[in-house]
C-alpha cells in the first residue's frame, strides 16, 4: 500500500479493538478476529490492534503478535491494519517488523514510557522504528503536551514514512496551533481521545478520530465522522450528546473505566466476556446498570 494512500486512509474513524479474555483470563483470539470482522462489516476501515483499549500493557509479546494476526484475519483485506508497538526502541522496531510480516499496513507507536525525554531523543526513538519498516506508515501516539512542532517537524523531515499523528492531549487550541506550525496537509492528524473530543478537534485539522465505542456499535461514530466531513456541526453535536454518557462513564475515575465499560457493554450484548486484567478492574454493579441504560438509549439490545 502506497504511503500516500495510507495517510489518506487515516482520515476516518480508527477502531481500537478490545482484547477479549475468557473468564479465566486467557486471551481469546478467535473471538478477537470475529469482533474485528463485525466492526469492518459495520463500516470501519481502520483497525488498531494493540491499542490502549486492547490492554496493550497487559499482554505478553506472544499475545501482541496474535492480536495483529487476529486483526488481519478479521479485516479480510477490507480495512487498514494499524498495529500498536512500543516499549524500548529495539523491541518496538522488532514488533513493527513482525507486524509487517503479518500483513499490517502501518504501526501506531505508543508514547515512550520513560521519565526523561528530549526532542532529539524522541525523534531518534521513532526514527529507529520507522527505519525498520520503510514500507509501512508510522503514526506516533502523542499524549504529552510538550511534544511540539520541533519534534514532529523534525521527524517528518527525517522519515518519509511518518504519515500521521494520533494526538491525545485534551487541548484543541494547542492542537490547532501545532497543526498550523507543522502543516495541515503534511500528515494525517487524528484526534486520539475519541468521540468526546472529535468535534472540537475537527476545526483544528483532526480529520479522523479514534474510537472504542465502535466495539459496541459503529453507527454513531461513523455518522459523526460523516457529519463533520459535510460541515454539519449541529448533527455532529447531536451525536456527541447521544454518546456522551457512555464516554463519560469510560472517563470516570481518571479513565479507570475506559476498557471495563466497553467490555461490560459487549458482555451484555453477548459478544465477549467482561473480563479485564490488572491493573484494570471490572465495573461495579451500579455502573453495570448504567451500561444497561446506555445500551437502551443507543438502541442496542442486550443478549436475550
Protein backbone atom coordinates (compact mmCIF):
# COMPACT_ATOMS: atom_id res chain seq x y z
CA UNK A 1 0.00 0.00 0.00
CA UNK A 2 1.45 3.37 -1.01
CA UNK A 3 2.36 5.69 1.87
CA UNK A 4 0.19 8.47 0.41
CA UNK A 5 -2.77 6.08 0.35
CA UNK A 6 -2.13 5.08 3.97
CA UNK A 7 -2.08 8.73 5.01
CA UNK A 8 -5.35 9.42 3.23
CA UNK A 9 -6.97 6.28 4.64
CA UNK A 10 -6.39 7.53 8.19
CA UNK A 11 -8.93 10.34 7.67
CA UNK A 12 -11.70 8.33 9.27
CA UNK A 13 -12.74 6.53 12.45
CA UNK A 14 -9.89 4.36 13.76
CA UNK A 15 -11.24 1.41 15.74
CA UNK A 16 -9.30 0.29 18.81
CA UNK A 17 -10.44 -3.31 19.42
CA UNK A 18 -10.65 -4.77 22.89
CA UNK A 19 -8.70 -7.95 23.54
CA UNK A 20 -11.34 -10.47 24.66
CA UNK A 21 -10.39 -12.77 27.52
CA UNK A 22 -12.00 -15.92 28.80
CA UNK A 23 -13.37 -15.78 32.34
CA UNK A 24 -10.12 -17.38 33.49
CA UNK A 25 -8.14 -14.54 31.89
CA UNK A 26 -6.75 -16.21 28.77
CA UNK A 27 -6.78 -14.21 25.53
CA UNK A 28 -9.41 -15.42 23.04
CA UNK A 29 -8.12 -14.58 19.57
CA UNK A 30 -10.80 -16.48 17.66
CA UNK A 31 -13.32 -14.12 19.23
CA UNK A 32 -10.95 -11.20 18.56
CA UNK A 33 -10.97 -11.93 14.83
CA UNK A 34 -14.76 -12.26 14.83
CA UNK A 35 -15.16 -8.93 16.62
CA UNK A 36 -12.91 -7.18 14.09
CA UNK A 37 -14.88 -8.77 11.25
CA UNK A 38 -18.07 -7.45 12.87
CA UNK A 39 -16.69 -3.90 13.09
CA UNK A 40 -15.47 -3.95 9.49
CA UNK A 41 -18.87 -5.24 8.34
CA UNK A 42 -20.30 -2.25 10.21
CA UNK A 43 -18.27 0.18 8.09
CA UNK A 44 -14.94 0.50 9.93
CA UNK A 45 -11.94 0.87 7.60
CA UNK A 46 -9.05 1.33 10.07
CA UNK A 47 -8.32 -1.13 12.88
CA UNK A 48 -5.63 -0.68 15.55
CA UNK A 49 -4.74 -3.91 17.36
CA UNK A 50 -2.60 -3.44 20.47
CA UNK A 51 -4.00 -0.05 21.37
CA UNK A 52 -4.73 1.03 24.93
CA UNK A 53 -8.33 -0.16 24.69
CA UNK A 54 -6.79 -3.51 23.74
CA UNK A 55 -4.92 -3.55 27.09
CA UNK A 56 -1.54 -3.29 25.33
CA UNK A 57 0.49 -3.14 28.52
CA UNK A 58 -1.23 -6.23 29.96
CA UNK A 59 -0.42 -8.50 27.01
CA UNK A 60 2.58 -10.76 26.54
CA UNK A 61 4.82 -10.49 23.45
CA UNK A 62 3.16 -13.62 22.06
CA UNK A 63 -0.27 -12.07 22.60
CA UNK A 64 0.80 -8.84 20.88
CA UNK A 65 1.69 -10.89 17.82
CA UNK A 66 -1.53 -12.90 17.97
CA UNK A 67 -3.59 -9.70 18.22
CA UNK A 68 -2.13 -8.43 14.95
CA UNK A 69 -2.76 -11.81 13.31
CA UNK A 70 -6.36 -11.78 14.52
CA UNK A 71 -6.92 -8.20 13.32
CA UNK A 72 -5.55 -9.01 9.86
CA UNK A 73 -7.70 -12.14 9.70
CA UNK A 74 -10.82 -10.29 10.83
CA UNK A 75 -10.24 -7.35 8.47
CA UNK A 76 -10.05 -9.71 5.48
CA UNK A 77 -8.29 -7.09 3.38
CA UNK A 78 -11.19 -4.63 3.77
CA UNK A 79 -9.57 -2.36 6.38
CA UNK A 80 -6.17 -0.82 7.03
CA UNK A 81 -4.42 -2.51 9.97
CA UNK A 82 -2.50 -0.02 12.14
CA UNK A 83 -0.65 -2.17 14.67
CA UNK A 84 0.38 -0.78 18.05
CA UNK A 85 4.06 -1.13 19.00
CA UNK A 86 6.09 0.17 21.93
CA UNK A 87 8.50 -0.30 24.84
CA UNK A 88 12.22 0.25 24.16
CA UNK A 89 13.26 1.24 20.63
CA UNK A 90 14.73 -2.16 19.71
CA UNK A 91 11.63 -4.00 20.93
CA UNK A 92 9.29 -1.58 19.17
CA UNK A 93 11.26 -1.93 15.92
CA UNK A 94 11.10 -5.72 16.19
CA UNK A 95 7.36 -5.55 16.83
CA UNK A 96 6.99 -3.33 13.77
CA UNK A 97 8.88 -5.77 11.56
CA UNK A 98 6.74 -8.61 12.91
CA UNK A 99 3.56 -6.63 12.23
CA UNK A 100 4.73 -6.04 8.66
CA UNK A 101 5.33 -9.76 8.16
CA UNK A 102 1.79 -10.47 9.42
CA UNK A 103 0.14 -8.09 6.97
CA UNK A 104 -0.18 -4.79 8.85
CA UNK A 105 -0.09 -1.63 6.73
CA UNK A 106 1.17 0.79 9.39
CA UNK A 107 2.25 0.99 13.02
CA UNK A 108 1.00 3.21 15.83
CA UNK A 109 3.89 3.91 18.20
CA UNK A 110 2.85 4.18 21.83
CA UNK A 111 4.32 7.15 23.66
CA UNK A 112 7.70 6.07 25.08
CA UNK A 113 7.42 5.16 28.77
CA UNK A 114 10.42 6.99 30.16
CA UNK A 115 10.90 9.64 32.88
CA UNK A 116 13.19 11.76 30.69
CA UNK A 117 12.88 12.93 27.10
CA UNK A 118 14.41 15.39 24.66
CA UNK A 119 13.07 16.33 21.24
CA UNK A 120 16.19 14.86 19.66
CA UNK A 121 15.75 11.62 21.60
CA UNK A 122 12.06 11.44 20.75
CA UNK A 123 12.89 11.80 17.05
CA UNK A 124 15.65 9.17 17.29
CA UNK A 125 13.29 6.73 19.02
CA UNK A 126 10.65 6.99 16.31
CA UNK A 127 13.21 7.05 13.50
CA UNK A 128 14.63 3.71 14.68
CA UNK A 129 11.16 2.22 14.33
CA UNK A 130 10.40 3.94 11.02
CA UNK A 131 13.71 2.82 9.53
CA UNK A 132 12.90 -0.79 10.47
CA UNK A 133 9.74 -0.76 8.31
CA UNK A 134 10.24 1.72 5.45
CA UNK A 135 7.22 0.40 3.53
CA UNK A 136 4.85 0.85 6.48
CA UNK A 137 3.26 4.08 7.63
CA UNK A 138 4.32 5.27 11.08
CA UNK A 139 1.92 7.09 13.42
CA UNK A 140 3.24 8.35 16.79
CA UNK A 141 0.79 8.38 19.68
CA UNK A 142 1.27 11.79 21.33
CA UNK A 143 -0.01 12.14 24.90
CA UNK A 144 2.49 14.77 26.07
CA UNK A 145 1.71 18.46 25.51
CA UNK A 146 5.44 19.19 25.49
CA UNK A 147 5.87 17.36 22.18
CA UNK A 148 5.52 20.19 19.72
CA UNK A 149 6.31 21.34 16.22
CA UNK A 150 10.07 20.94 16.56
CA UNK A 151 9.78 17.22 17.34
CA UNK A 152 7.03 16.46 14.85
CA UNK A 153 8.54 18.57 12.09
CA UNK A 154 11.96 17.05 12.72
CA UNK A 155 10.56 13.54 12.47
CA UNK A 156 8.71 14.42 9.27
CA UNK A 157 11.97 15.71 7.78
CA UNK A 158 13.83 12.55 8.80
CA UNK A 159 11.27 9.84 7.96
CA UNK A 160 9.35 9.67 4.66
CA UNK A 161 7.05 7.00 6.14
CA UNK A 162 5.89 9.23 9.01
CA UNK A 163 2.31 9.63 7.82
CA UNK A 164 0.18 10.69 10.74
CA UNK A 165 -0.19 11.71 14.37
CA UNK A 166 -2.60 10.29 16.94
CA UNK A 167 -2.93 13.30 19.23
CA UNK A 168 -4.33 12.66 22.71
CA UNK A 169 -3.75 15.90 24.60
CA UNK A 170 -7.11 17.41 25.56
CA UNK A 171 -6.28 20.91 24.34
CA UNK A 172 -7.85 21.78 20.96
CA UNK A 173 -6.22 25.22 20.88
CA UNK A 174 -2.74 23.77 21.39
CA UNK A 175 -3.51 21.14 18.75
CA UNK A 176 -4.69 23.69 16.20
CA UNK A 177 -1.53 25.73 16.71
CA UNK A 178 0.61 22.62 16.26
CA UNK A 179 -1.16 21.66 13.03
CA UNK A 180 -0.61 25.14 11.59
CA UNK A 181 3.08 25.05 12.53
CA UNK A 182 3.79 21.59 11.08
CA UNK A 183 1.37 21.78 8.14
CA UNK A 184 -2.23 20.58 7.87
CA UNK A 185 -1.61 18.54 4.73
CA UNK A 186 1.80 17.19 5.68
CA UNK A 187 0.37 14.47 7.93
CA UNK A 188 -2.90 12.76 8.80
CA UNK A 189 -4.00 14.38 12.07
CA UNK A 190 -6.09 12.07 14.25
CA UNK A 191 -7.96 13.04 17.41
CA UNK A 192 -6.77 10.33 19.80
CA UNK A 193 -9.35 10.95 22.51
CA UNK A 194 -12.40 9.66 20.70
CA UNK A 195 -15.93 10.94 20.16
CA UNK A 196 -15.95 13.19 23.24
CA UNK A 197 -13.36 15.47 21.67
CA UNK A 198 -13.62 14.81 17.92
CA UNK A 199 -15.99 17.73 17.10
CA UNK A 200 -13.71 20.16 18.93
CA UNK A 201 -10.51 18.94 17.26
CA UNK A 202 -12.00 18.86 13.76
CA UNK A 203 -11.77 22.63 13.08
CA UNK A 204 -8.10 22.49 14.09
CA UNK A 205 -7.31 19.84 11.49
CA UNK A 206 -8.08 16.42 13.02
CA UNK A 207 -9.94 14.79 10.14
CA UNK A 208 -10.31 11.46 11.87
CA UNK A 209 -10.63 10.14 15.41
CA UNK A 210 -10.10 7.00 17.45
CA UNK A 211 -12.96 5.02 18.92
CA UNK A 212 -13.52 2.28 21.47
CA UNK A 213 -17.30 2.71 21.18
CA UNK A 214 -17.22 1.00 17.77
CA UNK A 215 -16.55 -2.30 19.54
CA UNK A 216 -20.15 -1.95 20.71
CA UNK A 217 -21.86 -0.10 17.84
CA UNK A 218 -20.35 1.54 14.76
CA UNK A 219 -23.23 3.69 13.55
CA UNK A 220 -22.96 6.78 15.77
CA UNK A 221 -19.21 7.15 15.31
CA UNK A 222 -19.35 6.81 11.53
CA UNK A 223 -22.32 9.20 11.41
CA UNK A 224 -20.34 11.74 13.45
CA UNK A 225 -17.41 11.41 11.03
CA UNK A 226 -19.75 11.91 8.07
CA UNK A 227 -21.42 14.93 9.67
CA UNK A 228 -18.05 16.55 10.34
CA UNK A 229 -16.91 15.90 6.77
CA UNK A 230 -20.10 17.55 5.50
CA UNK A 231 -19.71 20.53 7.81
CA UNK A 232 -22.93 19.65 9.61
CA UNK A 233 -21.80 20.56 13.12
CA UNK A 234 -25.32 20.58 14.53
CA UNK A 235 -25.73 16.92 13.58
CA UNK A 236 -22.24 16.07 14.84
CA UNK A 237 -23.01 17.66 18.19
CA UNK A 238 -26.34 15.84 18.42
CA UNK A 239 -24.46 12.57 18.04
CA UNK A 240 -21.88 13.82 20.55
CA UNK A 241 -24.70 14.33 23.07
CA UNK A 242 -26.05 10.85 22.34
CA UNK A 243 -22.77 9.04 23.03
CA UNK A 244 -21.54 11.35 25.80
CA UNK A 245 -22.99 9.32 28.73
CA UNK A 246 -21.04 6.24 27.64
CA UNK A 247 -17.83 8.19 27.07
CA UNK A 248 -18.21 9.94 30.43
CA UNK A 249 -18.61 6.56 32.13
CA UNK A 250 -15.43 5.40 30.43
CA UNK A 251 -13.57 8.51 31.58
CA UNK A 252 -14.67 8.16 35.19
CA UNK A 253 -12.03 7.64 37.92
CA UNK A 254 -9.28 9.12 35.77
CA UNK A 255 -10.13 6.78 32.86
CA UNK A 256 -10.07 3.65 35.05
CA UNK A 257 -13.31 2.55 33.35
CA UNK A 258 -12.05 3.09 29.78
CA UNK A 259 -11.82 -0.58 28.85
CA UNK A 260 -14.14 -2.01 31.50
CA UNK A 261 -17.16 -0.05 30.28
CA UNK A 262 -16.64 -1.22 26.70
CA UNK A 263 -16.25 -4.84 27.74
CA UNK A 264 -19.28 -4.61 30.04
CA UNK A 265 -21.42 -3.39 27.16
CA UNK A 266 -20.09 -6.15 24.94
CA UNK A 267 -20.75 -8.75 27.64
CA UNK A 268 -24.34 -7.58 27.99
CA UNK A 269 -24.67 -7.95 24.21
CA UNK A 270 -23.20 -11.46 24.29
CA UNK A 271 -20.13 -10.50 22.24
CA UNK A 272 -17.36 -11.34 24.72
CA UNK A 273 -16.73 -11.65 28.45
CA UNK A 274 -16.35 -8.62 30.72
CA UNK A 275 -13.01 -9.95 31.99
CA UNK A 276 -10.12 -7.47 32.19
CA UNK A 277 -6.58 -7.86 33.50
CA UNK A 278 -4.98 -5.97 36.37
CA UNK A 279 -4.33 -3.10 36.88
CA UNK A 280 -7.81 -2.65 35.36
CA UNK A 281 -10.89 -3.85 37.25
CA UNK A 282 -14.45 -4.63 36.24
CA UNK A 283 -17.30 -2.17 36.74
CA UNK A 284 -19.34 -2.04 39.92
CA UNK A 285 -22.88 -3.38 39.90
CA UNK A 286 -24.27 0.15 39.83
CA UNK A 287 -22.11 1.01 36.82
CA UNK A 288 -23.23 -2.17 35.08
CA UNK A 289 -26.80 -0.94 35.41
CA UNK A 290 -25.71 2.37 33.87
CA UNK A 291 -24.36 0.45 30.90
CA UNK A 292 -27.69 -1.33 30.52
CA UNK A 293 -29.48 2.02 30.40
CA UNK A 294 -26.96 3.46 27.94
CA UNK A 295 -27.35 0.50 25.61
CA UNK A 296 -31.09 1.05 25.60
CA UNK A 297 -30.58 4.74 24.77
CA UNK A 298 -28.27 3.78 21.90
CA UNK A 299 -30.86 1.34 20.60
CA UNK A 300 -28.67 -1.69 21.33
CA UNK A 301 -30.47 -4.68 22.80
CA UNK A 302 -29.00 -6.88 25.49
CA UNK A 303 -28.49 -10.55 24.77
CA UNK A 304 -31.79 -12.33 25.25
